[in-house]
């Protein structure tokens, strides 16, 4: 699965999907880690896990998920959108990629 596909899945299915802790999966040398039904559970796991040698990796993974979804990791379990989700800011507008100038609001 490509990065853009994975990012899109997280953005579309964050409330009801199938998410795995990639840090636990890497530590256990399995194909997938612990399974969660939503991103809130996944992020809470990454923040609260205590019996692991990979605390920093878990925290970083949780922060990355929050960044992709535009959440404030310090305000969970309440979801607070902090600006534009990373996935939206990384999308390329085809007109911009061709070097065409942006239209101003005054011209419209």
PDB file of N, CA and C in Angstrom:
ATOM      1  N   UNK A   1       0.851  -1.172   0.000  1.00  0.00           N
ATOM      2  CA  UNK A   1       0.000   0.000   0.000  1.00  0.00           C
ATOM      3  C   UNK A   1       0.898   1.238   0.000  1.00  0.00           C
ATOM      4  N   UNK A   2       0.600   2.194  -0.839  1.00  0.00           N
ATOM      5  CA  UNK A   2       1.369   3.426  -0.939  1.00  0.00           C
ATOM      6  C   UNK A   2       1.041   4.368   0.213  1.00  0.00           C
ATOM      7  N   UNK A   3       1.927   5.318   0.477  1.00  0.00           N
ATOM      8  CA  UNK A   3       1.726   6.285   1.560  1.00  0.00           C
ATOM      9  C   UNK A   3       0.428   7.066   1.390  1.00  0.00           C
ATOM     10  N   UNK A   4       0.131   7.522   0.174  1.00  0.00           N
ATOM     11  CA  UNK A   4      -1.093   8.296  -0.063  1.00  0.00           C
ATOM     12  C   UNK A   4      -2.341   7.458   0.174  1.00  0.00           C
ATOM     13  N   UNK A   5      -2.291   6.192  -0.192  1.00  0.00           N
ATOM     14  CA  UNK A   5      -3.432   5.305   0.046  1.00  0.00           C
ATOM     15  C   UNK A   5      -3.636   5.090   1.542  1.00  0.00           C
ATOM     16  N   UNK A   6      -2.550   4.883   2.261  1.00  0.00           N
ATOM     17  CA  UNK A   6      -2.638   4.677   3.706  1.00  0.00           C
ATOM     18  C   UNK A   6      -3.155   5.936   4.397  1.00  0.00           C
ATOM     19  N   UNK A   7      -2.642   7.096   4.004  1.00  0.00           N
ATOM     20  CA  UNK A   7      -3.098   8.366   4.571  1.00  0.00           C
ATOM     21  C   UNK A   7      -4.583   8.559   4.296  1.00  0.00           C
ATOM     22  N   UNK A   8      -5.018   8.258   3.087  1.00  0.00           N
ATOM     23  CA  UNK A   8      -6.433   8.376   2.729  1.00  0.00           C
ATOM     24  C   UNK A   8      -7.306   7.448   3.550  1.00  0.00           C
ATOM     25  N   UNK A   9      -6.833   6.235   3.805  1.00  0.00           N
ATOM     26  CA  UNK A   9      -7.594   5.290   4.623  1.00  0.00           C
ATOM     27  C   UNK A   9      -7.772   5.836   6.039  1.00  0.00           C
ATOM     28  N   UNK A  10      -6.704   6.346   6.621  1.00  0.00           N
ATOM     29  CA  UNK A  10      -6.791   6.913   7.971  1.00  0.00           C
ATOM     30  C   UNK A  10      -7.789   8.067   7.994  1.00  0.00           C
ATOM     31  N   UNK A  11      -7.760   8.929   6.977  1.00  0.00           N
ATOM     32  CA  UNK A  11      -8.662  10.084   6.946  1.00  0.00           C
ATOM     33  C   UNK A  11     -10.114   9.675   6.726  1.00  0.00           C
ATOM     34  N   UNK A  12     -10.363   8.670   5.919  1.00  0.00           N
ATOM     35  CA  UNK A  12     -11.738   8.231   5.630  1.00  0.00           C
ATOM     36  C   UNK A  12     -12.330   7.382   6.744  1.00  0.00           C
ATOM     37  N   UNK A  13     -11.545   6.526   7.339  1.00  0.00           N
ATOM     38  CA  UNK A  13     -12.070   5.482   8.231  1.00  0.00           C
ATOM     39  C   UNK A  13     -11.650   5.651   9.685  1.00  0.00           C
ATOM     40  N   UNK A  14     -11.244   6.854  10.103  1.00  0.00           N
ATOM     41  CA  UNK A  14     -10.711   7.018  11.456  1.00  0.00           C
ATOM     42  C   UNK A  14     -11.706   6.675  12.550  1.00  0.00           C
ATOM     43  N   UNK A  15     -13.008   6.733  12.264  1.00  0.00           N
ATOM     44  CA  UNK A  15     -14.019   6.412  13.270  1.00  0.00           C
ATOM     45  C   UNK A  15     -14.405   4.937  13.278  1.00  0.00           C
ATOM     46  N   UNK A  16     -14.287   4.296  12.151  1.00  0.00           N
ATOM     47  CA  UNK A  16     -14.724   2.905  12.053  1.00  0.00           C
ATOM     48  C   UNK A  16     -13.893   2.207  10.985  1.00  0.00           C
ATOM     49  N   UNK A  17     -12.790   1.666  11.398  1.00  0.00           N
ATOM     50  CA  UNK A  17     -11.908   0.988  10.457  1.00  0.00           C
ATOM     51  C   UNK A  17     -11.144  -0.108  11.172  1.00  0.00           C
ATOM     52  N   UNK A  18     -10.038  -0.483  10.606  1.00  0.00           N
ATOM     53  CA  UNK A  18      -9.182  -1.505  11.193  1.00  0.00           C
ATOM     54  C   UNK A  18      -7.765  -0.943  11.216  1.00  0.00           C
ATOM     55  N   UNK A  19      -7.280  -0.645  12.422  1.00  0.00           N
ATOM     56  CA  UNK A  19      -5.984  -0.008  12.580  1.00  0.00           C
ATOM     57  C   UNK A  19      -5.094  -0.866  13.464  1.00  0.00           C
ATOM     58  N   UNK A  20      -3.829  -0.897  13.135  1.00  0.00           N
ATOM     59  CA  UNK A  20      -2.864  -1.704  13.865  1.00  0.00           C
ATOM     60  C   UNK A  20      -1.750  -0.817  14.397  1.00  0.00           C
ATOM     61  N   UNK A  21      -1.269  -1.144  15.598  1.00  0.00           N
ATOM     62  CA  UNK A  21      -0.108  -0.447  16.142  1.00  0.00           C
ATOM     63  C   UNK A  21       1.125  -1.005  15.435  1.00  0.00           C
ATOM     64  N   UNK A  22       1.697  -0.208  14.573  1.00  0.00           N
ATOM     65  CA  UNK A  22       2.853  -0.654  13.805  1.00  0.00           C
ATOM     66  C   UNK A  22       4.084  -0.827  14.685  1.00  0.00           C
ATOM     67  N   UNK A  23       4.134  -0.097  15.799  1.00  0.00           N
ATOM     68  CA  UNK A  23       5.265  -0.227  16.722  1.00  0.00           C
ATOM     69  C   UNK A  23       5.229  -1.591  17.405  1.00  0.00           C
ATOM     70  N   UNK A  24       4.055  -1.994  17.879  1.00  0.00           N
ATOM     71  CA  UNK A  24       3.921  -3.323  18.495  1.00  0.00           C
ATOM     72  C   UNK A  24       4.227  -4.412  17.474  1.00  0.00           C
ATOM     73  N   UNK A  25       3.771  -4.228  16.249  1.00  0.00           N
ATOM     74  CA  UNK A  25       4.026  -5.206  15.199  1.00  0.00           C
ATOM     75  C   UNK A  25       5.503  -5.364  14.917  1.00  0.00           C
ATOM     76  N   UNK A  26       6.240  -4.243  14.907  1.00  0.00           N
ATOM     77  CA  UNK A  26       7.681  -4.298  14.659  1.00  0.00           C
ATOM     78  C   UNK A  26       8.409  -4.933  15.839  1.00  0.00           C
ATOM     79  N   UNK A  27       7.957  -4.627  17.056  1.00  0.00           N
ATOM     80  CA  UNK A  27       8.612  -5.169  18.251  1.00  0.00           C
ATOM     81  C   UNK A  27       8.398  -6.673  18.368  1.00  0.00           C
ATOM     82  N   UNK A  28       7.219  -7.128  17.971  1.00  0.00           N
ATOM     83  CA  UNK A  28       6.895  -8.551  18.072  1.00  0.00           C
ATOM     84  C   UNK A  28       7.284  -9.320  16.816  1.00  0.00           C
ATOM     85  N   UNK A  29       7.834  -8.606  15.839  1.00  0.00           N
ATOM     86  CA  UNK A  29       8.251  -9.190  14.565  1.00  0.00           C
ATOM     87  C   UNK A  29       7.110  -9.938  13.890  1.00  0.00           C
ATOM     88  N   UNK A  30       5.941  -9.329  13.959  1.00  0.00           N
ATOM     89  CA  UNK A  30       4.761  -9.880  13.298  1.00  0.00           C
ATOM     90  C   UNK A  30       4.396  -8.971  12.139  1.00  0.00           C
ATOM     91  N   UNK A  31       3.504  -9.457  11.314  1.00  0.00           N
ATOM     92  CA  UNK A  31       3.062  -8.657  10.177  1.00  0.00           C
ATOM     93  C   UNK A  31       2.240  -7.458  10.639  1.00  0.00           C
ATOM     94  N   UNK A  32       1.502  -7.615  11.726  1.00  0.00           N
ATOM     95  CA  UNK A  32       0.700  -6.511  12.243  1.00  0.00           C
ATOM     96  C   UNK A  32       0.739  -6.534  13.763  1.00  0.00           C
ATOM     97  N   UNK A  33       0.510  -5.370  14.359  1.00  0.00           N
ATOM     98  CA  UNK A  33       0.519  -5.255  15.812  1.00  0.00           C
ATOM     99  C   UNK A  33      -0.877  -5.387  16.376  1.00  0.00           C
ATOM    100  N   UNK A  34      -1.090  -4.762  17.529  1.00  0.00           N
ATOM    101  CA  UNK A  34      -2.392  -4.805  18.179  1.00  0.00           C
ATOM    102  C   UNK A  34      -3.421  -4.092  17.316  1.00  0.00           C
ATOM    103  N   UNK A  35      -4.638  -4.636  17.302  1.00  0.00           N
ATOM    104  CA  UNK A  35      -5.696  -4.162  16.408  1.00  0.00           C
ATOM    105  C   UNK A  35      -6.656  -3.234  17.159  1.00  0.00           C
ATOM    106  N   UNK A  36      -7.049  -2.142  16.498  1.00  0.00           N
ATOM    107  CA  UNK A  36      -7.990  -1.171  17.061  1.00  0.00           C
ATOM    108  C   UNK A  36      -9.056  -0.852  16.031  1.00  0.00           C
ATOM    109  N   UNK A  37     -10.262  -0.530  16.521  1.00  0.00           N
ATOM    110  CA  UNK A  37     -11.378  -0.260  15.610  1.00  0.00           C
ATOM    111  C   UNK A  37     -11.449   1.190  15.168  1.00  0.00           C
ATOM    112  N   UNK A  38     -10.710   2.074  15.848  1.00  0.00           N
ATOM    113  CA  UNK A  38     -10.707   3.482  15.451  1.00  0.00           C
ATOM    114  C   UNK A  38      -9.370   4.116  15.820  1.00  0.00           C
ATOM    115  N   UNK A  39      -9.146   5.302  15.308  1.00  0.00           N
ATOM    116  CA  UNK A  39      -7.866   5.970  15.548  1.00  0.00           C
ATOM    117  C   UNK A  39      -7.750   6.515  16.966  1.00  0.00           C
ATOM    118  N   UNK A  40      -8.871   6.824  17.601  1.00  0.00           N
ATOM    119  CA  UNK A  40      -8.815   7.296  18.989  1.00  0.00           C
ATOM    120  C   UNK A  40      -8.185   6.212  19.870  1.00  0.00           C
ATOM    121  N   UNK A  41      -8.644   4.979  19.733  1.00  0.00           N
ATOM    122  CA  UNK A  41      -8.081   3.877  20.511  1.00  0.00           C
ATOM    123  C   UNK A  41      -6.608   3.667  20.219  1.00  0.00           C
ATOM    124  N   UNK A  42      -6.248   3.775  18.959  1.00  0.00           N
ATOM    125  CA  UNK A  42      -4.856   3.605  18.553  1.00  0.00           C
ATOM    126  C   UNK A  42      -3.970   4.685  19.172  1.00  0.00           C
ATOM    127  N   UNK A  43      -4.428   5.932  19.114  1.00  0.00           N
ATOM    128  CA  UNK A  43      -3.640   7.037  19.668  1.00  0.00           C
ATOM    129  C   UNK A  43      -3.579   6.947  21.193  1.00  0.00           C
ATOM    130  N   UNK A  44      -4.689   6.594  21.825  1.00  0.00           N
ATOM    131  CA  UNK A  44      -4.672   6.431  23.282  1.00  0.00           C
ATOM    132  C   UNK A  44      -3.696   5.330  23.689  1.00  0.00           C
ATOM    133  N   UNK A  45      -3.680   4.239  22.958  1.00  0.00           N
ATOM    134  CA  UNK A  45      -2.719   3.160  23.212  1.00  0.00           C
ATOM    135  C   UNK A  45      -1.295   3.700  23.105  1.00  0.00           C
ATOM    136  N   UNK A  46      -1.029   4.477  22.065  1.00  0.00           N
ATOM    137  CA  UNK A  46       0.330   4.981  21.854  1.00  0.00           C
ATOM    138  C   UNK A  46       0.763   5.943  22.960  1.00  0.00           C
ATOM    139  N   UNK A  47      -0.187   6.658  23.551  1.00  0.00           N
ATOM    140  CA  UNK A  47       0.135   7.594  24.630  1.00  0.00           C
ATOM    141  C   UNK A  47       0.264   6.915  25.987  1.00  0.00           C
ATOM    142  N   UNK A  48      -0.538   5.874  26.221  1.00  0.00           N
ATOM    143  CA  UNK A  48      -0.674   5.330  27.565  1.00  0.00           C
ATOM    144  C   UNK A  48       0.080   4.033  27.828  1.00  0.00           C
ATOM    145  N   UNK A  49       0.638   3.404  26.811  1.00  0.00           N
ATOM    146  CA  UNK A  49       1.314   2.127  27.021  1.00  0.00           C
ATOM    147  C   UNK A  49       2.517   2.334  27.949  1.00  0.00           C
ATOM    148  N   UNK A  50       2.637   1.461  28.939  1.00  0.00           N
ATOM    149  CA  UNK A  50       3.735   1.596  29.903  1.00  0.00           C
ATOM    150  C   UNK A  50       4.673   0.391  29.893  1.00  0.00           C
ATOM    151  N   UNK A  51       4.156  -0.784  29.623  1.00  0.00           N
ATOM    152  CA  UNK A  51       4.998  -1.986  29.652  1.00  0.00           C
ATOM    153  C   UNK A  51       5.539  -2.291  28.264  1.00  0.00           C
ATOM    154  N   UNK A  52       6.497  -1.498  27.848  1.00  0.00           N
ATOM    155  CA  UNK A  52       7.138  -1.701  26.554  1.00  0.00           C
ATOM    156  C   UNK A  52       8.523  -1.069  26.592  1.00  0.00           C
ATOM    157  N   UNK A  53       9.391  -1.551  25.750  1.00  0.00           N
ATOM    158  CA  UNK A  53      10.715  -0.940  25.638  1.00  0.00           C
ATOM    159  C   UNK A  53      10.713   0.163  24.586  1.00  0.00           C
ATOM    160  N   UNK A  54       9.600   0.323  23.892  1.00  0.00           N
ATOM    161  CA  UNK A  54       9.510   1.285  22.789  1.00  0.00           C
ATOM    162  C   UNK A  54       8.552   2.435  23.087  1.00  0.00           C
ATOM    163  N   UNK A  55       8.645   3.030  24.269  1.00  0.00           N
ATOM    164  CA  UNK A  55       7.735   4.127  24.622  1.00  0.00           C
ATOM    165  C   UNK A  55       7.869   5.305  23.664  1.00  0.00           C
ATOM    166  N   UNK A  56       9.102   5.685  23.346  1.00  0.00           N
ATOM    167  CA  UNK A  56       9.314   6.830  22.450  1.00  0.00           C
ATOM    168  C   UNK A  56       8.747   6.554  21.062  1.00  0.00           C
ATOM    169  N   UNK A  57       8.923   5.348  20.580  1.00  0.00           N
ATOM    170  CA  UNK A  57       8.392   4.995  19.260  1.00  0.00           C
ATOM    171  C   UNK A  57       6.869   5.033  19.267  1.00  0.00           C
ATOM    172  N   UNK A  58       6.248   4.554  20.351  1.00  0.00           N
ATOM    173  CA  UNK A  58       4.794   4.609  20.462  1.00  0.00           C
ATOM    174  C   UNK A  58       4.305   6.054  20.465  1.00  0.00           C
ATOM    175  N   UNK A  59       4.962   6.914  21.252  1.00  0.00           N
ATOM    176  CA  UNK A  59       4.553   8.323  21.321  1.00  0.00           C
ATOM    177  C   UNK A  59       4.689   8.985  19.946  1.00  0.00           C
ATOM    178  N   UNK A  60       5.779   8.701  19.266  1.00  0.00           N
ATOM    179  CA  UNK A  60       6.004   9.287  17.938  1.00  0.00           C
ATOM    180  C   UNK A  60       4.962   8.795  16.935  1.00  0.00           C
ATOM    181  N   UNK A  61       4.607   7.515  17.005  1.00  0.00           N
ATOM    182  CA  UNK A  61       3.589   6.970  16.105  1.00  0.00           C
ATOM    183  C   UNK A  61       2.244   7.650  16.357  1.00  0.00           C
ATOM    184  N   UNK A  62       1.876   7.816  17.625  1.00  0.00           N
ATOM    185  CA  UNK A  62       0.628   8.499  17.963  1.00  0.00           C
ATOM    186  C   UNK A  62       0.619   9.933  17.471  1.00  0.00           C
ATOM    187  N   UNK A  63       1.745  10.623  17.607  1.00  0.00           N
ATOM    188  CA  UNK A  63       1.842  11.999  17.124  1.00  0.00           C
ATOM    189  C   UNK A  63       1.716  12.060  15.607  1.00  0.00           C
ATOM    190  N   UNK A  64       2.292  11.088  14.921  1.00  0.00           N
ATOM    191  CA  UNK A  64       2.195  11.058  13.457  1.00  0.00           C
ATOM    192  C   UNK A  64       0.749  10.843  13.006  1.00  0.00           C
ATOM    193  N   UNK A  65       0.034   9.940  13.666  1.00  0.00           N
ATOM    194  CA  UNK A  65      -1.376   9.703  13.329  1.00  0.00           C
ATOM    195  C   UNK A  65      -2.179  10.982  13.554  1.00  0.00           C
ATOM    196  N   UNK A  66      -1.938  11.645  14.683  1.00  0.00           N
ATOM    197  CA  UNK A  66      -2.647  12.898  14.973  1.00  0.00           C
ATOM    198  C   UNK A  66      -2.321  13.966  13.936  1.00  0.00           C
ATOM    199  N   UNK A  67      -1.082  14.045  13.522  1.00  0.00           N
ATOM    200  CA  UNK A  67      -0.675  15.038  12.519  1.00  0.00           C
ATOM    201  C   UNK A  67      -1.398  14.791  11.194  1.00  0.00           C
ATOM    202  N   UNK A  68      -1.481  13.538  10.786  1.00  0.00           N
ATOM    203  CA  UNK A  68      -2.169  13.202   9.531  1.00  0.00           C
ATOM    204  C   UNK A  68      -3.643  13.585   9.596  1.00  0.00           C
ATOM    205  N   UNK A  69      -4.265  13.369  10.764  1.00  0.00           N
ATOM    206  CA  UNK A  69      -5.692  13.647  10.912  1.00  0.00           C
ATOM    207  C   UNK A  69      -5.983  15.082  11.342  1.00  0.00           C
ATOM    208  N   UNK A  70      -4.951  15.852  11.681  1.00  0.00           N
ATOM    209  CA  UNK A  70      -5.144  17.231  12.113  1.00  0.00           C
ATOM    210  C   UNK A  70      -5.641  17.347  13.542  1.00  0.00           C
ATOM    211  N   UNK A  71      -5.347  16.360  14.376  1.00  0.00           N
ATOM    212  CA  UNK A  71      -5.797  16.346  15.769  1.00  0.00           C
ATOM    213  C   UNK A  71      -4.720  16.920  16.677  1.00  0.00           C
ATOM    214  N   UNK A  72      -5.154  17.430  17.840  1.00  0.00           N
ATOM    215  CA  UNK A  72      -4.240  17.874  18.886  1.00  0.00           C
ATOM    216  C   UNK A  72      -4.061  16.708  19.856  1.00  0.00           C
ATOM    217  N   UNK A  73      -2.894  16.104  19.885  1.00  0.00           N
ATOM    218  CA  UNK A  73      -2.653  14.910  20.702  1.00  0.00           C
ATOM    219  C   UNK A  73      -2.792  15.195  22.194  1.00  0.00           C
ATOM    220  N   UNK A  74      -2.624  16.444  22.601  1.00  0.00           N
ATOM    221  CA  UNK A  74      -2.703  16.803  24.015  1.00  0.00           C
ATOM    222  C   UNK A  74      -4.135  17.005  24.489  1.00  0.00           C
ATOM    223  N   UNK A  75      -5.110  16.992  23.577  1.00  0.00           N
ATOM    224  CA  UNK A  75      -6.503  17.242  23.935  1.00  0.00           C
ATOM    225  C   UNK A  75      -7.374  16.001  23.816  1.00  0.00           C
ATOM    226  N   UNK A  76      -6.784  14.828  23.625  1.00  0.00           N
ATOM    227  CA  UNK A  76      -7.575  13.604  23.525  1.00  0.00           C
ATOM    228  C   UNK A  76      -8.110  13.243  24.897  1.00  0.00           C
ATOM    229  N   UNK A  77      -9.255  12.598  25.027  1.00  0.00           N
ATOM    230  CA  UNK A  77     -10.029  11.905  24.015  1.00  0.00           C
ATOM    231  C   UNK A  77     -10.924  12.815  23.185  1.00  0.00           C
ATOM    232  N   UNK A  78     -11.006  14.108  23.529  1.00  0.00           N
ATOM    233  CA  UNK A  78     -11.766  15.030  22.699  1.00  0.00           C
ATOM    234  C   UNK A  78     -10.961  15.301  21.440  1.00  0.00           C
ATOM    235  N   UNK A  79     -11.584  15.154  20.298  1.00  0.00           N
ATOM    236  CA  UNK A  79     -10.890  15.413  19.045  1.00  0.00           C
ATOM    237  C   UNK A  79     -10.950  16.906  18.779  1.00  0.00           C
ATOM    238  N   UNK A  80      -9.795  17.526  18.718  1.00  0.00           N
ATOM    239  CA  UNK A  80      -9.704  18.945  18.415  1.00  0.00           C
ATOM    240  C   UNK A  80      -8.880  19.072  17.149  1.00  0.00           C
ATOM    241  N   UNK A  81      -9.496  19.644  16.153  1.00  0.00           N
ATOM    242  CA  UNK A  81      -8.794  19.844  14.890  1.00  0.00           C
ATOM    243  C   UNK A  81      -7.850  21.030  15.064  1.00  0.00           C
ATOM    244  N   UNK A  82      -6.595  20.827  14.734  1.00  0.00           N
ATOM    245  CA  UNK A  82      -5.606  21.893  14.831  1.00  0.00           C
ATOM    246  C   UNK A  82      -5.135  22.245  13.434  1.00  0.00           C
ATOM    247  N   UNK A  83      -5.840  23.131  12.807  1.00  0.00           N
ATOM    248  CA  UNK A  83      -5.461  23.526  11.462  1.00  0.00           C
ATOM    249  C   UNK A  83      -5.881  22.489  10.438  1.00  0.00           C
ATOM    250  N   UNK A  84      -5.194  22.482   9.347  1.00  0.00           N
ATOM    251  CA  UNK A  84      -5.502  21.602   8.226  1.00  0.00           C
ATOM    252  C   UNK A  84      -4.805  20.259   8.413  1.00  0.00           C
ATOM    253  N   UNK A  85      -5.510  19.132   8.205  1.00  0.00           N
ATOM    254  CA  UNK A  85      -4.850  17.831   8.295  1.00  0.00           C
ATOM    255  C   UNK A  85      -3.670  17.746   7.334  1.00  0.00           C
ATOM    256  N   UNK A  86      -2.643  17.043   7.734  1.00  0.00           N
ATOM    257  CA  UNK A  86      -1.432  16.922   6.933  1.00  0.00           C
ATOM    258  C   UNK A  86      -1.729  16.380   5.545  1.00  0.00           C
ATOM    259  N   UNK A  87      -2.643  15.434   5.445  1.00  0.00           N
ATOM    260  CA  UNK A  87      -2.974  14.849   4.150  1.00  0.00           C
ATOM    261  C   UNK A  87      -3.491  15.876   3.169  1.00  0.00           C
ATOM    262  N   UNK A  88      -4.267  16.844   3.651  1.00  0.00           N
ATOM    263  CA  UNK A  88      -4.806  17.886   2.771  1.00  0.00           C
ATOM    264  C   UNK A  88      -3.703  18.817   2.303  1.00  0.00           C
ATOM    265  N   UNK A  89      -2.773  19.152   3.188  1.00  0.00           N
ATOM    266  CA  UNK A  89      -1.720  20.085   2.814  1.00  0.00           C
ATOM    267  C   UNK A  89      -0.698  19.437   1.886  1.00  0.00           C
ATOM    268  N   UNK A  90      -0.672  18.116   1.829  1.00  0.00           N
ATOM    269  CA  UNK A  90       0.293  17.428   0.984  1.00  0.00           C
ATOM    270  C   UNK A  90      -0.253  17.110  -0.402  1.00  0.00           C
ATOM    271  N   UNK A  91      -1.559  17.322  -0.608  1.00  0.00           N
ATOM    272  CA  UNK A  91      -2.138  17.052  -1.914  1.00  0.00           C
ATOM    273  C   UNK A  91      -1.678  18.122  -2.895  1.00  0.00           C
ATOM    274  N   UNK A  92      -1.402  17.711  -4.098  1.00  0.00           N
ATOM    275  CA  UNK A  92      -0.926  18.635  -5.119  1.00  0.00           C
ATOM    276  C   UNK A  92      -2.064  18.952  -6.068  1.00  0.00           C
ATOM    277  N   UNK A  93      -2.288  20.221  -6.265  1.00  0.00           N
ATOM    278  CA  UNK A  93      -3.286  20.679  -7.218  1.00  0.00           C
ATOM    279  C   UNK A  93      -2.672  20.559  -8.613  1.00  0.00           C
ATOM    280  N   UNK A  94      -3.310  19.846  -9.547  1.00  0.00           N
ATOM    281  CA  UNK A  94      -2.724  19.668 -10.884  1.00  0.00           C
ATOM    282  C   UNK A  94      -2.395  20.986 -11.570  1.00  0.00           C
ATOM    283  N   UNK A  95      -3.213  22.023 -11.382  1.00  0.00           N
ATOM    284  CA  UNK A  95      -2.946  23.318 -12.013  1.00  0.00           C
ATOM    285  C   UNK A  95      -1.669  23.932 -11.452  1.00  0.00           C
ATOM    286  N   UNK A  96      -1.441  23.778 -10.155  1.00  0.00           N
ATOM    287  CA  UNK A  96      -0.243  24.333  -9.539  1.00  0.00           C
ATOM    288  C   UNK A  96       0.997  23.572  -9.970  1.00  0.00           C
ATOM    289  N   UNK A  97       0.865  22.275 -10.178  1.00  0.00           N
ATOM    290  CA  UNK A  97       2.030  21.488 -10.557  1.00  0.00           C
ATOM    291  C   UNK A  97       2.502  21.821 -11.968  1.00  0.00           C
ATOM    292  N   UNK A  98       1.632  22.391 -12.781  1.00  0.00           N
ATOM    293  CA  UNK A  98       2.000  22.774 -14.137  1.00  0.00           C
ATOM    294  C   UNK A  98       2.561  24.185 -14.194  1.00  0.00           C
ATOM    295  N   UNK A  99       2.634  24.850 -13.053  1.00  0.00           N
ATOM    296  CA  UNK A  99       3.199  26.181 -13.016  1.00  0.00           C
ATOM    297  C   UNK A  99       2.216  27.270 -13.385  1.00  0.00           C
ATOM    298  N   UNK A 100       0.930  26.961 -13.458  1.00  0.00           N
ATOM    299  CA  UNK A 100      -0.058  27.975 -13.780  1.00  0.00           C
ATOM    300  C   UNK A 100      -0.286  28.853 -12.564  1.00  0.00           C
ATOM    301  N   UNK A 101      -0.439  30.158 -12.753  1.00  0.00           N
ATOM    302  CA  UNK A 101      -0.650  31.046 -11.611  1.00  0.00           C
ATOM    303  C   UNK A 101      -2.019  30.824 -10.988  1.00  0.00           C
ATOM    304  N   UNK A 102      -2.093  31.099  -9.668  1.00  0.00           N
ATOM    305  CA  UNK A 102      -3.365  31.001  -8.966  1.00  0.00           C
ATOM    306  C   UNK A 102      -4.238  32.187  -9.356  1.00  0.00           C
ATOM    307  N   UNK A 103      -5.560  31.941  -9.410  1.00  0.00           N
ATOM    308  CA  UNK A 103      -6.485  33.027  -9.679  1.00  0.00           C
ATOM    309  C   UNK A 103      -6.747  33.756  -8.382  1.00  0.00           C
ATOM    310  N   UNK A 104      -6.754  35.065  -8.424  1.00  0.00           N
ATOM    311  CA  UNK A 104      -7.034  35.827  -7.214  1.00  0.00           C
ATOM    312  C   UNK A 104      -8.530  36.010  -7.070  1.00  0.00           C
ATOM    313  N   UNK A 105      -8.965  36.299  -5.843  1.00  0.00           N
ATOM    314  CA  UNK A 105     -10.386  36.494  -5.571  1.00  0.00           C
ATOM    315  C   UNK A 105     -10.899  37.740  -6.279  1.00  0.00           C
ATOM    316  N   UNK A 106     -10.033  38.741  -6.483  1.00  0.00           N
ATOM    317  CA  UNK A 106     -10.451  39.979  -7.136  1.00  0.00           C
ATOM    318  C   UNK A 106     -10.755  39.758  -8.614  1.00  0.00           C
ATOM    319  N   UNK A 107     -10.079  38.797  -9.234  1.00  0.00           N
ATOM    320  CA  UNK A 107     -10.282  38.538 -10.660  1.00  0.00           C
ATOM    321  C   UNK A 107     -11.601  37.836 -10.925  1.00  0.00           C
ATOM    322  N   UNK A 108     -12.172  37.192  -9.917  1.00  0.00           N
ATOM    323  CA  UNK A 108     -13.394  36.422 -10.091  1.00  0.00           C
ATOM    324  C   UNK A 108     -14.611  37.251 -10.048  1.00  0.00           C
TER     325      UNK A 108
END
